[in-house]
N, C-alpha and C. Protein backbone atom coordinates (compact mmCIF):
# COMPACT_ATOMS: atom_id res chain seq x y z
N MET A 1 29.04 -80.67 101.00
CA MET A 1 29.21 -79.51 99.55
C MET A 1 30.07 -80.28 98.75
N ALA A 2 30.28 -79.47 97.75
CA ALA A 2 30.67 -80.07 96.86
C ALA A 2 32.33 -80.39 96.82
N SER A 3 32.89 -81.40 96.21
CA SER A 3 34.20 -81.38 96.24
C SER A 3 34.95 -80.59 95.24
N SER A 4 36.13 -80.60 96.22
CA SER A 4 36.81 -79.72 95.06
C SER A 4 37.50 -80.50 93.63
N THR A 5 37.58 -82.02 93.71
CA THR A 5 38.11 -82.00 92.28
C THR A 5 36.98 -82.16 91.32
N LEU A 6 36.15 -82.13 91.95
CA LEU A 6 34.39 -81.96 90.66
C LEU A 6 34.49 -80.60 90.19
N LEU A 7 35.24 -79.33 90.68
CA LEU A 7 34.95 -78.11 90.39
C LEU A 7 36.46 -77.42 89.85
N SER A 8 37.46 -78.37 90.07
CA SER A 8 38.57 -78.07 89.19
C SER A 8 38.45 -77.83 87.35
N THR A 9 39.32 -77.23 87.01
CA THR A 9 38.92 -76.91 85.52
C THR A 9 40.08 -77.63 84.90
N SER A 10 41.25 -78.03 85.69
CA SER A 10 42.29 -78.96 84.97
C SER A 10 41.70 -80.70 84.37
N THR A 11 40.84 -80.94 85.31
CA THR A 11 40.29 -82.51 84.76
C THR A 11 38.79 -82.19 84.02
N PHE A 12 38.46 -81.12 84.06
CA PHE A 12 37.26 -81.24 83.15
C PHE A 12 37.27 -81.07 81.82
N LYS A 13 36.92 -81.55 81.17
CA LYS A 13 37.50 -81.63 79.93
C LYS A 13 36.10 -82.03 78.72
N PRO A 14 35.17 -81.09 78.04
CA PRO A 14 34.28 -80.98 77.50
C PRO A 14 34.11 -81.48 76.29
N TYR A 15 32.76 -82.60 76.29
CA TYR A 15 32.62 -83.07 74.53
C TYR A 15 31.92 -82.37 74.15
N VAL A 16 32.63 -82.02 72.92
CA VAL A 16 31.76 -81.84 71.87
C VAL A 16 31.12 -83.10 70.74
N LEU A 17 30.07 -82.76 70.69
CA LEU A 17 29.40 -83.14 70.00
C LEU A 17 29.07 -83.02 68.62
N SER A 18 29.17 -83.94 67.31
CA SER A 18 29.22 -83.24 66.05
C SER A 18 28.01 -83.16 65.67
N PRO A 19 27.57 -81.96 64.70
CA PRO A 19 26.19 -81.55 64.40
C PRO A 19 25.43 -83.39 63.60
N MET A 20 24.45 -83.82 64.08
CA MET A 20 23.79 -85.00 63.22
C MET A 20 23.57 -84.39 62.17
N LYS A 21 23.72 -85.05 61.05
CA LYS A 21 22.94 -84.94 59.63
C LYS A 21 21.87 -85.87 59.57
N PRO A 22 20.55 -85.08 59.02
CA PRO A 22 19.64 -86.11 58.49
C PRO A 22 20.25 -87.50 57.78
N LYS A 23 19.14 -88.11 57.96
CA LYS A 23 19.79 -89.62 57.14
C LYS A 23 19.50 -89.75 55.90
N ILE A 24 18.41 -88.67 55.38
CA ILE A 24 18.10 -88.11 53.57
C ILE A 24 19.36 -87.69 53.20
N ALA A 25 19.44 -86.59 53.64
CA ALA A 25 20.71 -85.70 53.48
C ALA A 25 21.76 -86.41 52.82
N SER A 26 22.21 -87.88 53.94
CA SER A 26 23.28 -88.08 53.98
C SER A 26 23.43 -89.53 52.63
N THR A 27 22.12 -89.83 52.43
CA THR A 27 22.13 -90.82 51.52
C THR A 27 22.53 -90.18 50.16
N LEU A 28 22.27 -88.87 49.85
CA LEU A 28 22.05 -88.29 48.09
C LEU A 28 23.51 -87.74 47.87
N PRO A 29 24.10 -88.14 46.82
CA PRO A 29 25.33 -88.25 46.25
C PRO A 29 26.15 -86.01 46.34
N PRO A 30 27.15 -86.33 47.06
CA PRO A 30 27.47 -85.29 47.06
C PRO A 30 27.76 -84.18 46.08
N PHE A 31 27.53 -82.62 46.53
CA PHE A 31 27.36 -81.78 45.28
C PHE A 31 28.64 -81.88 44.05
N PRO A 32 28.61 -81.61 42.74
CA PRO A 32 29.47 -81.79 42.04
C PRO A 32 30.54 -80.52 42.53
N PRO A 33 32.08 -81.10 42.86
CA PRO A 33 33.12 -79.94 42.42
C PRO A 33 32.78 -78.54 41.54
N ARG A 34 33.39 -77.84 42.09
CA ARG A 34 33.11 -76.56 40.72
C ARG A 34 34.11 -76.74 39.59
N ASN A 35 35.21 -77.48 39.75
CA ASN A 35 35.98 -77.61 38.60
C ASN A 35 34.98 -78.58 37.43
N PHE A 36 34.11 -79.34 38.00
CA PHE A 36 33.57 -80.52 36.88
C PHE A 36 32.09 -79.80 36.09
N ARG A 37 31.73 -78.76 36.87
CA ARG A 37 30.87 -77.59 36.59
C ARG A 37 31.23 -76.77 35.45
N ARG A 38 32.32 -76.30 35.58
CA ARG A 38 32.94 -75.45 34.59
C ARG A 38 33.49 -76.33 33.50
N ARG A 39 33.96 -77.51 34.27
CA ARG A 39 34.36 -78.24 32.63
C ARG A 39 33.56 -78.79 31.47
N HIS A 40 32.09 -78.97 32.58
CA HIS A 40 30.54 -79.46 31.71
C HIS A 40 30.35 -77.72 30.68
N PHE A 41 30.35 -77.21 31.37
CA PHE A 41 29.93 -75.86 30.64
C PHE A 41 30.82 -75.81 29.14
N MET A 42 31.83 -75.57 29.55
CA MET A 42 33.38 -75.64 28.61
C MET A 42 32.68 -76.29 27.38
N SER A 43 32.76 -77.84 27.67
CA SER A 43 32.07 -78.66 26.79
C SER A 43 30.93 -78.86 25.87
N LEU A 44 30.08 -77.92 26.44
CA LEU A 44 28.72 -77.92 26.11
C LEU A 44 29.05 -76.22 24.94
N ALA A 45 29.59 -75.37 25.78
CA ALA A 45 30.08 -74.26 25.37
C ALA A 45 31.16 -74.63 23.54
N ALA A 46 31.69 -75.58 23.58
CA ALA A 46 32.33 -75.66 22.45
C ALA A 46 31.84 -76.34 21.21
N THR A 47 30.67 -77.10 21.57
CA THR A 47 29.71 -78.27 20.91
C THR A 47 28.72 -77.20 20.10
N ILE A 48 28.44 -76.29 20.82
CA ILE A 48 27.35 -75.72 20.65
C ILE A 48 27.38 -74.86 18.95
N PRO A 49 28.43 -74.40 18.82
CA PRO A 49 28.74 -73.48 17.64
C PRO A 49 28.92 -74.83 16.28
N MET A 50 29.53 -76.01 16.67
CA MET A 50 29.76 -77.01 15.94
C MET A 50 28.03 -77.41 15.45
N ILE A 51 27.15 -77.59 16.79
CA ILE A 51 25.92 -77.95 16.23
C ILE A 51 25.05 -77.15 15.11
N ALA A 52 25.31 -75.65 15.71
CA ALA A 52 24.30 -74.64 14.71
C ALA A 52 24.93 -74.52 13.53
N SER A 53 26.20 -75.30 13.49
CA SER A 53 26.57 -74.89 11.53
C SER A 53 26.52 -76.27 10.90
N SER A 54 26.08 -77.52 11.97
CA SER A 54 26.02 -78.65 10.92
C SER A 54 24.54 -78.42 9.95
N SER A 55 24.56 -79.09 9.25
CA SER A 55 23.58 -79.38 8.14
C SER A 55 22.44 -79.96 8.98
N TRP A 56 22.59 -80.92 9.40
CA TRP A 56 21.64 -82.01 9.88
C TRP A 56 20.48 -81.34 10.97
N LEU A 57 20.73 -80.07 11.31
CA LEU A 57 19.87 -78.91 12.10
C LEU A 57 18.64 -78.69 11.14
N VAL A 58 19.03 -78.33 9.88
CA VAL A 58 18.05 -77.94 9.15
C VAL A 58 17.09 -78.36 8.87
N PRO A 59 15.76 -77.96 8.69
CA PRO A 59 14.45 -79.16 9.34
C PRO A 59 14.40 -79.18 7.83
N VAL A 60 13.52 -80.48 7.87
CA VAL A 60 13.42 -80.36 6.34
C VAL A 60 12.06 -81.27 6.45
N SER A 61 11.58 -80.32 5.34
CA SER A 61 10.50 -80.27 4.94
C SER A 61 9.57 -81.47 4.30
N PRO A 62 8.04 -81.87 4.92
CA PRO A 62 7.69 -83.04 3.83
C PRO A 62 7.60 -82.56 2.46
N ALA A 63 7.39 -83.92 1.53
CA ALA A 63 6.74 -83.46 0.58
C ALA A 63 5.44 -82.28 0.23
N SER A 64 5.89 -81.47 0.20
CA SER A 64 4.35 -80.24 -0.13
C SER A 64 4.07 -80.47 -1.55
N ALA A 65 2.62 -79.81 -1.72
CA ALA A 65 2.46 -79.32 -2.92
C ALA A 65 3.06 -78.11 -3.71
N ASP A 66 3.62 -78.38 -4.55
CA ASP A 66 4.14 -77.19 -5.00
C ASP A 66 3.21 -76.09 -5.96
N SER A 67 2.27 -76.76 -6.39
CA SER A 67 1.02 -76.05 -7.33
C SER A 67 -0.41 -76.53 -7.34
N ASP A 68 -0.98 -75.78 -7.43
CA ASP A 68 -2.58 -76.24 -7.75
C ASP A 68 -2.56 -77.72 -8.80
N GLU A 69 -2.02 -77.28 -9.79
CA GLU A 69 -2.04 -77.59 -10.81
C GLU A 69 -1.54 -79.68 -10.48
N GLU A 70 -0.62 -79.34 -9.69
CA GLU A 70 0.55 -80.57 -9.24
C GLU A 70 -0.75 -81.29 -8.40
N TYR A 71 -1.71 -80.88 -7.74
CA TYR A 71 -2.30 -81.20 -6.48
C TYR A 71 -3.65 -81.91 -7.58
N MET A 72 -3.75 -81.39 -8.69
CA MET A 72 -5.28 -81.57 -9.91
C MET A 72 -4.50 -82.73 -10.17
N LYS A 73 -3.28 -83.09 -10.70
CA LYS A 73 -2.64 -83.64 -11.69
C LYS A 73 -2.97 -85.06 -11.18
N GLU A 74 -2.28 -84.87 -9.60
CA GLU A 74 -1.91 -86.11 -8.76
C GLU A 74 -3.25 -86.81 -8.18
N THR A 75 -4.44 -86.02 -8.02
CA THR A 75 -5.62 -86.14 -7.83
C THR A 75 -6.01 -87.20 -8.95
N LYS A 76 -6.42 -86.68 -9.64
CA LYS A 76 -7.00 -87.38 -11.39
C LYS A 76 -6.06 -88.83 -11.47
N GLU A 77 -4.90 -89.10 -10.84
CA GLU A 77 -4.14 -89.85 -11.02
C GLU A 77 -4.89 -90.74 -10.17
N VAL A 78 -4.96 -90.29 -8.97
CA VAL A 78 -5.45 -91.29 -8.00
C VAL A 78 -6.93 -91.47 -7.96
N ILE A 79 -7.62 -91.19 -8.90
CA ILE A 79 -9.18 -91.23 -9.09
C ILE A 79 -8.91 -92.27 -10.11
N ILE A 80 -8.36 -92.15 -11.24
CA ILE A 80 -8.34 -93.41 -12.05
C ILE A 80 -7.95 -94.66 -11.26
N LYS A 81 -6.51 -94.49 -10.79
CA LYS A 81 -6.14 -96.04 -10.12
C LYS A 81 -7.55 -96.52 -9.33
N VAL A 82 -8.04 -95.43 -8.45
CA VAL A 82 -8.79 -96.28 -7.58
C VAL A 82 -10.32 -96.80 -8.36
N ARG A 83 -10.83 -96.15 -9.21
CA ARG A 83 -11.42 -96.65 -10.08
C ARG A 83 -10.94 -97.99 -11.09
N SER A 84 -9.53 -97.71 -11.41
CA SER A 84 -9.65 -99.29 -12.19
C SER A 84 -9.20 -100.26 -11.01
N THR A 85 -8.90 -99.98 -10.16
CA THR A 85 -8.95 -101.09 -9.00
C THR A 85 -10.01 -101.79 -8.59
N ILE A 86 -11.09 -101.00 -8.28
CA ILE A 86 -12.48 -101.51 -7.33
C ILE A 86 -12.83 -102.38 -8.66
N GLN A 87 -12.97 -101.82 -9.47
CA GLN A 87 -13.78 -102.73 -10.81
C GLN A 87 -13.23 -103.70 -11.34
N MET A 88 -11.44 -104.29 -10.80
CA MET A 88 -11.02 -105.47 -11.56
C MET A 88 -12.03 -106.73 -10.45
N ASP A 89 -12.16 -107.91 -11.44
CA ASP A 89 -12.92 -109.18 -11.09
C ASP A 89 -11.78 -109.45 -9.91
N ARG A 90 -12.23 -110.47 -9.00
CA ARG A 90 -11.45 -110.90 -8.49
C ARG A 90 -10.53 -112.03 -8.28
N ASN A 91 -10.95 -112.77 -9.64
CA ASN A 91 -10.01 -113.50 -10.10
C ASN A 91 -9.11 -113.56 -11.11
N ASP A 92 -8.99 -112.14 -11.20
CA ASP A 92 -7.43 -111.48 -12.42
C ASP A 92 -6.79 -111.73 -11.49
N PRO A 93 -5.36 -112.26 -11.91
CA PRO A 93 -3.82 -112.51 -11.19
C PRO A 93 -3.49 -111.34 -11.17
N ASN A 94 -3.80 -110.45 -11.50
CA ASN A 94 -3.33 -108.99 -10.79
C ASN A 94 -4.13 -108.08 -10.48
N VAL A 95 -4.82 -108.60 -9.44
CA VAL A 95 -5.93 -107.97 -8.44
C VAL A 95 -4.60 -107.26 -6.96
N ALA A 96 -3.83 -108.19 -6.79
CA ALA A 96 -3.09 -108.33 -5.43
C ALA A 96 -1.85 -107.34 -5.74
N THR A 97 -1.12 -107.05 -6.88
CA THR A 97 -0.34 -106.21 -7.26
C THR A 97 -1.05 -104.47 -7.74
N ALA A 98 -2.17 -104.66 -8.14
CA ALA A 98 -2.85 -103.44 -8.28
C ALA A 98 -3.22 -102.87 -7.26
N VAL A 99 -3.58 -103.79 -6.03
CA VAL A 99 -3.90 -102.79 -5.16
C VAL A 99 -2.64 -102.51 -4.07
N ALA A 100 -1.43 -103.43 -4.22
CA ALA A 100 -0.35 -103.09 -3.71
C ALA A 100 -0.02 -101.60 -3.85
N GLU A 101 -0.35 -101.35 -5.49
CA GLU A 101 0.05 -100.10 -6.06
C GLU A 101 -0.70 -98.91 -5.59
N LEU A 102 -2.03 -99.55 -5.63
CA LEU A 102 -2.70 -98.59 -5.21
C LEU A 102 -2.57 -97.93 -3.82
N ARG A 103 -2.17 -98.66 -2.63
CA ARG A 103 -1.71 -98.60 -1.61
C ARG A 103 -1.04 -97.36 -1.27
N ASN A 104 0.28 -97.88 -2.14
CA ASN A 104 1.56 -97.06 -2.04
C ASN A 104 0.96 -95.48 -2.68
N THR A 105 0.31 -95.34 -3.99
CA THR A 105 -0.08 -94.33 -4.21
C THR A 105 -1.24 -93.16 -3.18
N SER A 106 -1.94 -94.26 -2.73
CA SER A 106 -2.92 -93.20 -1.89
C SER A 106 -1.73 -92.89 -0.76
N ASN A 107 -1.43 -93.88 -0.07
CA ASN A 107 -0.55 -93.32 1.13
C ASN A 107 0.79 -92.43 0.56
N TYR A 108 0.94 -92.20 -0.56
CA TYR A 108 1.74 -90.97 -0.94
C TYR A 108 1.11 -89.57 -0.97
N TRP A 109 -0.57 -89.83 -1.60
CA TRP A 109 -0.95 -88.85 -1.78
C TRP A 109 -1.28 -88.22 -0.18
N VAL A 110 -1.86 -89.25 0.28
CA VAL A 110 -2.52 -88.48 1.73
C VAL A 110 -1.48 -87.97 2.18
N ALA A 111 -0.08 -88.50 2.83
CA ALA A 111 1.37 -87.73 3.41
C ALA A 111 1.48 -86.97 2.83
N LYS A 112 1.26 -86.67 1.17
CA LYS A 112 1.61 -85.68 0.73
C LYS A 112 0.39 -84.09 0.83
N TYR A 113 -0.62 -84.54 1.17
CA TYR A 113 -1.42 -83.29 0.78
C TYR A 113 -2.01 -83.16 2.27
N ARG A 114 -2.15 -84.25 3.19
CA ARG A 114 -3.34 -83.81 4.33
C ARG A 114 -2.80 -83.25 5.11
N ARG A 115 -1.36 -82.38 5.31
CA ARG A 115 -0.57 -81.62 6.02
C ARG A 115 -1.10 -80.05 5.51
N GLU A 116 -1.14 -80.12 4.28
CA GLU A 116 -1.56 -78.83 3.54
C GLU A 116 -2.64 -77.84 3.90
N LYS A 117 -2.45 -76.99 4.94
CA LYS A 117 -3.78 -75.96 5.37
C LYS A 117 -4.93 -75.67 4.20
N ALA A 118 -4.35 -75.32 2.78
CA ALA A 118 -4.87 -74.61 2.15
C ALA A 118 -5.82 -75.82 1.58
N LEU A 119 -5.46 -76.93 1.45
CA LEU A 119 -5.95 -78.13 0.35
C LEU A 119 -7.25 -78.75 1.45
N LEU A 120 -7.25 -78.69 3.00
CA LEU A 120 -8.09 -78.90 3.82
C LEU A 120 -9.53 -78.62 3.89
N GLY A 121 -10.04 -77.65 3.41
CA GLY A 121 -10.87 -77.19 3.35
C GLY A 121 -11.89 -77.38 1.96
N ARG A 122 -11.11 -77.70 0.90
CA ARG A 122 -11.74 -78.24 -0.10
C ARG A 122 -12.51 -79.66 -0.39
N SER A 123 -13.52 -79.55 -1.32
CA SER A 123 -14.07 -80.38 -1.15
C SER A 123 -13.66 -81.87 -1.92
N SER A 124 -12.83 -81.76 -2.73
CA SER A 124 -12.41 -82.90 -3.67
C SER A 124 -11.83 -83.25 -3.02
N PHE A 125 -10.61 -82.84 -1.61
CA PHE A 125 -9.78 -83.54 -0.66
C PHE A 125 -10.35 -84.13 0.22
N ARG A 126 -11.74 -83.69 0.67
CA ARG A 126 -12.81 -84.60 1.62
C ARG A 126 -13.34 -85.70 1.02
N ASP A 127 -13.10 -85.43 -0.10
CA ASP A 127 -14.13 -86.79 -0.76
C ASP A 127 -13.23 -87.55 -1.12
N ILE A 128 -12.23 -87.75 -1.62
CA ILE A 128 -10.62 -88.27 -2.03
C ILE A 128 -10.46 -88.69 -0.55
N TYR A 129 -10.27 -88.30 0.19
CA TYR A 129 -9.73 -88.73 1.52
C TYR A 129 -10.68 -89.93 2.01
N SER A 130 -11.72 -89.63 1.49
CA SER A 130 -13.03 -90.37 2.35
C SER A 130 -12.72 -91.41 1.56
N ALA A 131 -12.47 -91.56 0.46
CA ALA A 131 -13.01 -92.59 -0.57
C ALA A 131 -11.72 -93.49 -0.14
N LEU A 132 -10.54 -92.60 -0.47
CA LEU A 132 -9.37 -93.67 0.19
C LEU A 132 -9.13 -94.42 1.21
N ASN A 133 -9.80 -93.88 2.35
CA ASN A 133 -10.06 -94.16 3.74
C ASN A 133 -10.91 -95.57 3.60
N ALA A 134 -11.67 -95.32 2.65
CA ALA A 134 -13.44 -96.49 2.32
C ALA A 134 -12.40 -97.96 1.95
N VAL A 135 -11.36 -97.30 0.56
CA VAL A 135 -11.04 -98.46 -0.18
C VAL A 135 -9.71 -99.10 0.34
N SER A 136 -8.93 -98.25 1.19
CA SER A 136 -7.06 -99.19 2.24
C SER A 136 -8.18 -100.00 3.36
N GLY A 137 -9.42 -99.19 4.18
CA GLY A 137 -10.01 -99.86 5.23
C GLY A 137 -10.62 -101.30 4.89
N HIS A 138 -11.11 -101.16 3.53
CA HIS A 138 -11.67 -102.49 3.07
C HIS A 138 -10.58 -103.79 2.82
N TYR A 139 -9.26 -103.22 1.95
CA TYR A 139 -8.41 -104.14 1.75
C TYR A 139 -7.61 -104.69 2.81
N ILE A 140 -7.80 -103.73 3.97
CA ILE A 140 -6.73 -103.89 5.00
C ILE A 140 -7.14 -105.23 5.56
N SER A 141 -8.73 -104.75 5.78
CA SER A 141 -9.57 -105.71 6.90
C SER A 141 -9.83 -107.49 6.40
N PHE A 142 -10.10 -107.43 4.66
CA PHE A 142 -10.70 -108.36 4.00
C PHE A 142 -9.84 -108.92 2.68
N GLY A 143 -8.14 -108.29 3.00
CA GLY A 143 -7.59 -108.77 1.99
C GLY A 143 -7.71 -108.63 0.26
N PRO A 144 -6.12 -108.35 -0.59
CA PRO A 144 -6.82 -107.98 -1.21
C PRO A 144 -7.51 -108.10 -2.51
N THR A 145 -7.91 -110.10 -1.93
CA THR A 145 -8.80 -110.22 -3.33
C THR A 145 -10.20 -110.42 -3.02
N ALA A 146 -10.43 -109.45 -1.73
CA ALA A 146 -11.95 -109.96 -1.19
C ALA A 146 -12.84 -108.78 -2.49
N PRO A 147 -13.68 -109.17 -2.55
CA PRO A 147 -14.68 -108.00 -3.32
C PRO A 147 -14.66 -107.07 -2.62
N ILE A 148 -15.46 -105.79 -2.73
CA ILE A 148 -15.89 -104.59 -2.47
C ILE A 148 -17.23 -104.68 -2.35
N PRO A 149 -17.98 -104.93 -0.98
CA PRO A 149 -19.57 -104.78 -1.32
C PRO A 149 -20.40 -103.44 -2.20
N ALA A 150 -21.25 -104.22 -2.70
CA ALA A 150 -22.05 -102.93 -3.81
C ALA A 150 -22.32 -102.07 -3.35
N LYS A 151 -22.45 -101.88 -2.11
CA LYS A 151 -23.08 -100.49 -1.19
C LYS A 151 -21.94 -99.44 -1.11
N ARG A 152 -20.78 -100.14 -0.48
CA ARG A 152 -19.26 -99.25 -0.51
C ARG A 152 -18.94 -98.90 -1.71
N LYS A 153 -18.87 -99.69 -2.68
CA LYS A 153 -18.04 -99.69 -4.22
C LYS A 153 -19.14 -98.71 -4.72
N ALA A 154 -19.90 -98.50 -4.82
CA ALA A 154 -21.64 -97.30 -4.94
C ALA A 154 -21.34 -95.88 -4.23
N ARG A 155 -20.74 -96.29 -2.95
CA ARG A 155 -20.72 -94.86 -2.17
C ARG A 155 -18.74 -94.53 -2.41
N ILE A 156 -18.03 -94.98 -2.72
CA ILE A 156 -16.58 -94.96 -3.04
C ILE A 156 -16.49 -94.39 -4.73
N LEU A 157 -17.46 -94.83 -5.61
CA LEU A 157 -17.34 -94.47 -6.92
C LEU A 157 -18.10 -92.99 -7.37
N GLU A 158 -19.29 -92.77 -6.32
CA GLU A 158 -20.31 -91.25 -5.98
C GLU A 158 -19.06 -90.50 -5.56
N GLU A 159 -18.26 -90.69 -4.65
CA GLU A 159 -17.15 -90.01 -4.13
C GLU A 159 -15.87 -89.60 -4.92
N MET A 160 -15.98 -90.04 -5.37
CA MET A 160 -14.83 -89.91 -7.07
C MET A 160 -15.80 -89.20 -7.84
N ASP A 161 -17.04 -89.66 -8.55
CA ASP A 161 -17.29 -88.65 -9.20
C ASP A 161 -17.74 -87.32 -8.50
N THR A 162 -17.96 -86.79 -7.65
CA THR A 162 -18.20 -85.83 -6.94
C THR A 162 -16.71 -84.69 -6.82
N ALA A 163 -15.53 -85.93 -6.53
CA ALA A 163 -14.73 -84.96 -6.67
C ALA A 163 -14.41 -85.11 -7.73
N GLU A 164 -14.62 -85.57 -8.55
CA GLU A 164 -13.70 -84.60 -10.11
C GLU A 164 -14.42 -83.93 -10.17
N LYS A 165 -15.68 -83.73 -10.55
CA LYS A 165 -16.81 -82.55 -10.31
C LYS A 165 -16.26 -81.12 -10.10
N ALA A 166 -15.34 -81.44 -8.41
CA ALA A 166 -15.21 -80.38 -7.43
C ALA A 166 -13.90 -80.13 -8.32
N LEU A 167 -12.89 -81.07 -8.75
CA LEU A 167 -11.69 -80.51 -9.20
C LEU A 167 -11.80 -79.83 -10.69
N SER A 168 -12.68 -79.92 -11.40
CA SER A 168 -12.59 -79.21 -13.00
C SER A 168 -13.54 -78.18 -12.47
N ARG A 169 -13.92 -77.73 -11.24
CA ARG A 169 -14.61 -76.37 -10.41
C ARG A 169 -13.28 -75.87 -9.79
N GLY A 170 -12.47 -76.05 -9.68
CA GLY A 170 -11.24 -75.83 -8.97
C GLY A 170 -11.78 -75.87 -7.65
N ARG A 171 -11.94 -77.00 -6.72
CA ARG A 171 -12.60 -76.70 -5.39
C ARG A 171 -11.99 -77.92 -4.98
């Protein structure tokens, strides 16, 4: 039968195994202590009033149309500049500067009026926008001294005429 030494409690010492941690959990960084979270929250809470009171949070609105008269005046200026630029002779020494000025003017006009919801439905806006797109696309692709082909020039001038008529009618 069993020996008395095996059954005695004095010699038996149970071995306690430590619980096994999964390998995935052991590779994660330890959760930050409570004082870190509190410190982080307090620093955020202290900076929110400073941010809210600073002036750089005020949204800066893009250039917008102040009035209908301003839109009409600037659009007429763009029409005049487009007509004068595309009618220039390619051997004229001022062609490159005129094209650069037209590009700046058209970029300003498009940036100012493209986001105006009230103007998007106007026929004058659509025609001018289309003509500016055609002119700038030509000069970007072929350079400032390349002459605009006759068909494209006729279409641009026609769009300018219809836009000018629409402007005179308030459209």
